[in-house]
Amino acid sequence: MSVFTDVEAKLVDVKNKVEGDLHTLLTHLEAVFQRVQQAPVEDIVKTAVASDIHAAAVKVEAVADTLRSDVNVADKVVNVAADAVDNAATK
């Protein structure tokens, strides 16, 4: 796989996992990537920028995973608290 194919795959993969501001950010990264591919510059420059875009997409994915994990933890805490209130109310 070339760097460009890797970047395209990563952008699609992460865009399918996120929503809201993170999705918008990935859409902007995708637009930048497309402009870089079409730009009349040396391949070495295109490869370097594509690598940076790939790294940014990986970071966005990590942030999304962390946020998802935090939401899951908070959800569990709320469920435990709701159960405790229900148990106290039935006594």
C-alpha atoms as a PDB file:
ATOM      1  CA  MET A   1       0.000   0.000   0.000  1.00  0.00           C
ATOM      2  CA  SER A   2       1.240   3.469  -0.798  1.00  0.00           C
ATOM      3  CA  VAL A   3       1.190   6.335   1.659  1.00  0.00           C
ATOM      4  CA  PHE A   4      -1.663   7.861  -0.311  1.00  0.00           C
ATOM      5  CA  THR A   5      -3.760   4.694  -0.181  1.00  0.00           C
ATOM      6  CA  ASP A   6      -3.081   4.429   3.566  1.00  0.00           C
ATOM      7  CA  VAL A   7      -4.203   8.017   4.117  1.00  0.00           C
ATOM      8  CA  GLU A   8      -7.373   7.559   2.071  1.00  0.00           C
ATOM      9  CA  ALA A   9      -8.241   4.392   3.981  1.00  0.00           C
ATOM     10  CA  LYS A  10      -7.536   5.977   7.375  1.00  0.00           C
ATOM     11  CA  LEU A  11      -9.646   9.054   6.596  1.00  0.00           C
ATOM     12  CA  VAL A  12     -12.596   6.931   5.486  1.00  0.00           C
ATOM     13  CA  ASP A  13     -12.238   4.616   8.487  1.00  0.00           C
ATOM     14  CA  VAL A  14     -12.086   7.403  11.052  1.00  0.00           C
ATOM     15  CA  LYS A  15     -14.836   9.450   9.364  1.00  0.00           C
ATOM     16  CA  ASN A  16     -17.130   6.436   9.738  1.00  0.00           C
ATOM     17  CA  LYS A  17     -16.391   6.266  13.475  1.00  0.00           C
ATOM     18  CA  VAL A  18     -16.849   9.906  14.487  1.00  0.00           C
ATOM     19  CA  GLU A  19     -19.474  12.583  14.308  1.00  0.00           C
ATOM     20  CA  GLY A  20     -19.896  16.267  15.026  1.00  0.00           C
ATOM     21  CA  ASP A  21     -16.770  18.419  15.229  1.00  0.00           C
ATOM     22  CA  LEU A  22     -14.437  15.455  14.782  1.00  0.00           C
ATOM     23  CA  HIS A  23     -16.241  14.469  11.579  1.00  0.00           C
ATOM     24  CA  THR A  24     -15.947  18.050  10.343  1.00  0.00           C
ATOM     25  CA  LEU A  25     -12.234  18.019  11.131  1.00  0.00           C
ATOM     26  CA  LEU A  26     -11.774  14.793   9.170  1.00  0.00           C
ATOM     27  CA  THR A  27     -13.681  16.284   6.252  1.00  0.00           C
ATOM     28  CA  HIS A  28     -11.269  19.234   6.245  1.00  0.00           C
ATOM     29  CA  LEU A  29      -8.268  16.920   6.417  1.00  0.00           C
ATOM     30  CA  GLU A  30      -9.701  14.969   3.513  1.00  0.00           C
ATOM     31  CA  ALA A  31     -10.095  18.169   1.470  1.00  0.00           C
ATOM     32  CA  VAL A  32      -6.508  19.190   2.225  1.00  0.00           C
ATOM     33  CA  PHE A  33      -5.317  15.734   1.225  1.00  0.00           C
ATOM     34  CA  GLN A  34      -7.161  15.940  -2.092  1.00  0.00           C
ATOM     35  CA  ARG A  35      -5.706  19.384  -2.839  1.00  0.00           C
ATOM     36  CA  VAL A  36      -2.212  18.123  -2.028  1.00  0.00           C
ATOM     37  CA  GLN A  37      -2.649  15.170  -4.380  1.00  0.00           C
ATOM     38  CA  GLN A  38      -3.681  17.527  -7.190  1.00  0.00           C
ATOM     39  CA  ALA A  39      -1.043  20.179  -6.493  1.00  0.00           C
ATOM     40  CA  PRO A  40       1.799  20.563  -8.972  1.00  0.00           C
ATOM     41  CA  VAL A  41       4.523  19.900  -6.401  1.00  0.00           C
ATOM     42  CA  GLU A  42       7.194  17.260  -6.016  1.00  0.00           C
ATOM     43  CA  ASP A  43       6.108  13.794  -4.923  1.00  0.00           C
ATOM     44  CA  ILE A  44       8.374  14.003  -1.887  1.00  0.00           C
ATOM     45  CA  VAL A  45       6.396  17.033  -0.652  1.00  0.00           C
ATOM     46  CA  LYS A  46       3.097  15.286  -1.329  1.00  0.00           C
ATOM     47  CA  THR A  47       4.301  12.217   0.557  1.00  0.00           C
ATOM     48  CA  ALA A  48       5.439  14.282   3.533  1.00  0.00           C
ATOM     49  CA  VAL A  49       2.130  16.147   3.744  1.00  0.00           C
ATOM     50  CA  ALA A  50       0.167  12.919   3.287  1.00  0.00           C
ATOM     51  CA  SER A  51       2.124  11.358   6.152  1.00  0.00           C
ATOM     52  CA  ASP A  52       1.291  14.331   8.367  1.00  0.00           C
ATOM     53  CA  ILE A  53      -2.388  14.077   7.446  1.00  0.00           C
ATOM     54  CA  HIS A  54      -2.305  10.359   8.278  1.00  0.00           C
ATOM     55  CA  ALA A  55      -0.757  11.156  11.671  1.00  0.00           C
ATOM     56  CA  ALA A  56      -3.464  13.757  12.304  1.00  0.00           C
ATOM     57  CA  ALA A  57      -6.181  11.234  11.435  1.00  0.00           C
ATOM     58  CA  VAL A  58      -4.635   8.707  13.817  1.00  0.00           C
ATOM     59  CA  LYS A  59      -4.660  11.364  16.563  1.00  0.00           C
ATOM     60  CA  VAL A  60      -8.320  12.209  15.858  1.00  0.00           C
ATOM     61  CA  GLU A  61      -9.140   8.509  16.103  1.00  0.00           C
ATOM     62  CA  ALA A  62      -7.347   8.282  19.468  1.00  0.00           C
ATOM     63  CA  VAL A  63      -9.237  11.325  20.764  1.00  0.00           C
ATOM     64  CA  ALA A  64     -12.535   9.825  19.612  1.00  0.00           C
ATOM     65  CA  ASP A  65     -11.726   6.520  21.309  1.00  0.00           C
ATOM     66  CA  THR A  66     -10.856   8.328  24.542  1.00  0.00           C
ATOM     67  CA  LEU A  67     -14.065  10.347  24.428  1.00  0.00           C
ATOM     68  CA  ARG A  68     -16.086   7.209  23.743  1.00  0.00           C
ATOM     69  CA  SER A  69     -14.421   5.489  26.690  1.00  0.00           C
ATOM     70  CA  ASP A  70     -15.080   8.463  28.986  1.00  0.00           C
ATOM     71  CA  VAL A  71     -18.743   8.491  27.975  1.00  0.00           C
ATOM     72  CA  ASN A  72     -19.026   4.761  28.675  1.00  0.00           C
ATOM     73  CA  VAL A  73     -17.509   5.202  32.146  1.00  0.00           C
ATOM     74  CA  ALA A  74     -19.812   8.119  32.913  1.00  0.00           C
ATOM     75  CA  ASP A  75     -22.794   6.104  31.685  1.00  0.00           C
ATOM     76  CA  LYS A  76     -21.921   3.248  34.035  1.00  0.00           C
ATOM     77  CA  VAL A  77     -21.585   5.649  36.981  1.00  0.00           C
ATOM     78  CA  VAL A  78     -24.986   7.167  36.201  1.00  0.00           C
ATOM     79  CA  ASN A  79     -26.535   3.683  35.988  1.00  0.00           C
ATOM     80  CA  VAL A  80     -25.080   2.703  39.384  1.00  0.00           C
ATOM     81  CA  ALA A  81     -26.370   5.926  40.913  1.00  0.00           C
ATOM     82  CA  ALA A  82     -29.830   5.417  39.371  1.00  0.00           C
ATOM     83  CA  ASP A  83     -29.932   1.859  40.708  1.00  0.00           C
ATOM     84  CA  ALA A  84     -28.961   3.098  44.177  1.00  0.00           C
ATOM     85  CA  VAL A  85     -31.713   5.707  44.105  1.00  0.00           C
ATOM     86  CA  ASP A  86     -34.254   3.129  42.933  1.00  0.00           C
ATOM     87  CA  ASN A  87     -33.219   0.746  45.695  1.00  0.00           C
ATOM     88  CA  ALA A  88     -33.416   3.463  48.327  1.00  0.00           C
ATOM     89  CA  ALA A  89     -36.830   4.577  47.068  1.00  0.00           C
ATOM     90  CA  THR A  90     -38.297   1.067  47.324  1.00  0.00           C
ATOM     91  CA  LYS A  91     -37.285   0.633  50.957  1.00  0.00           C
END
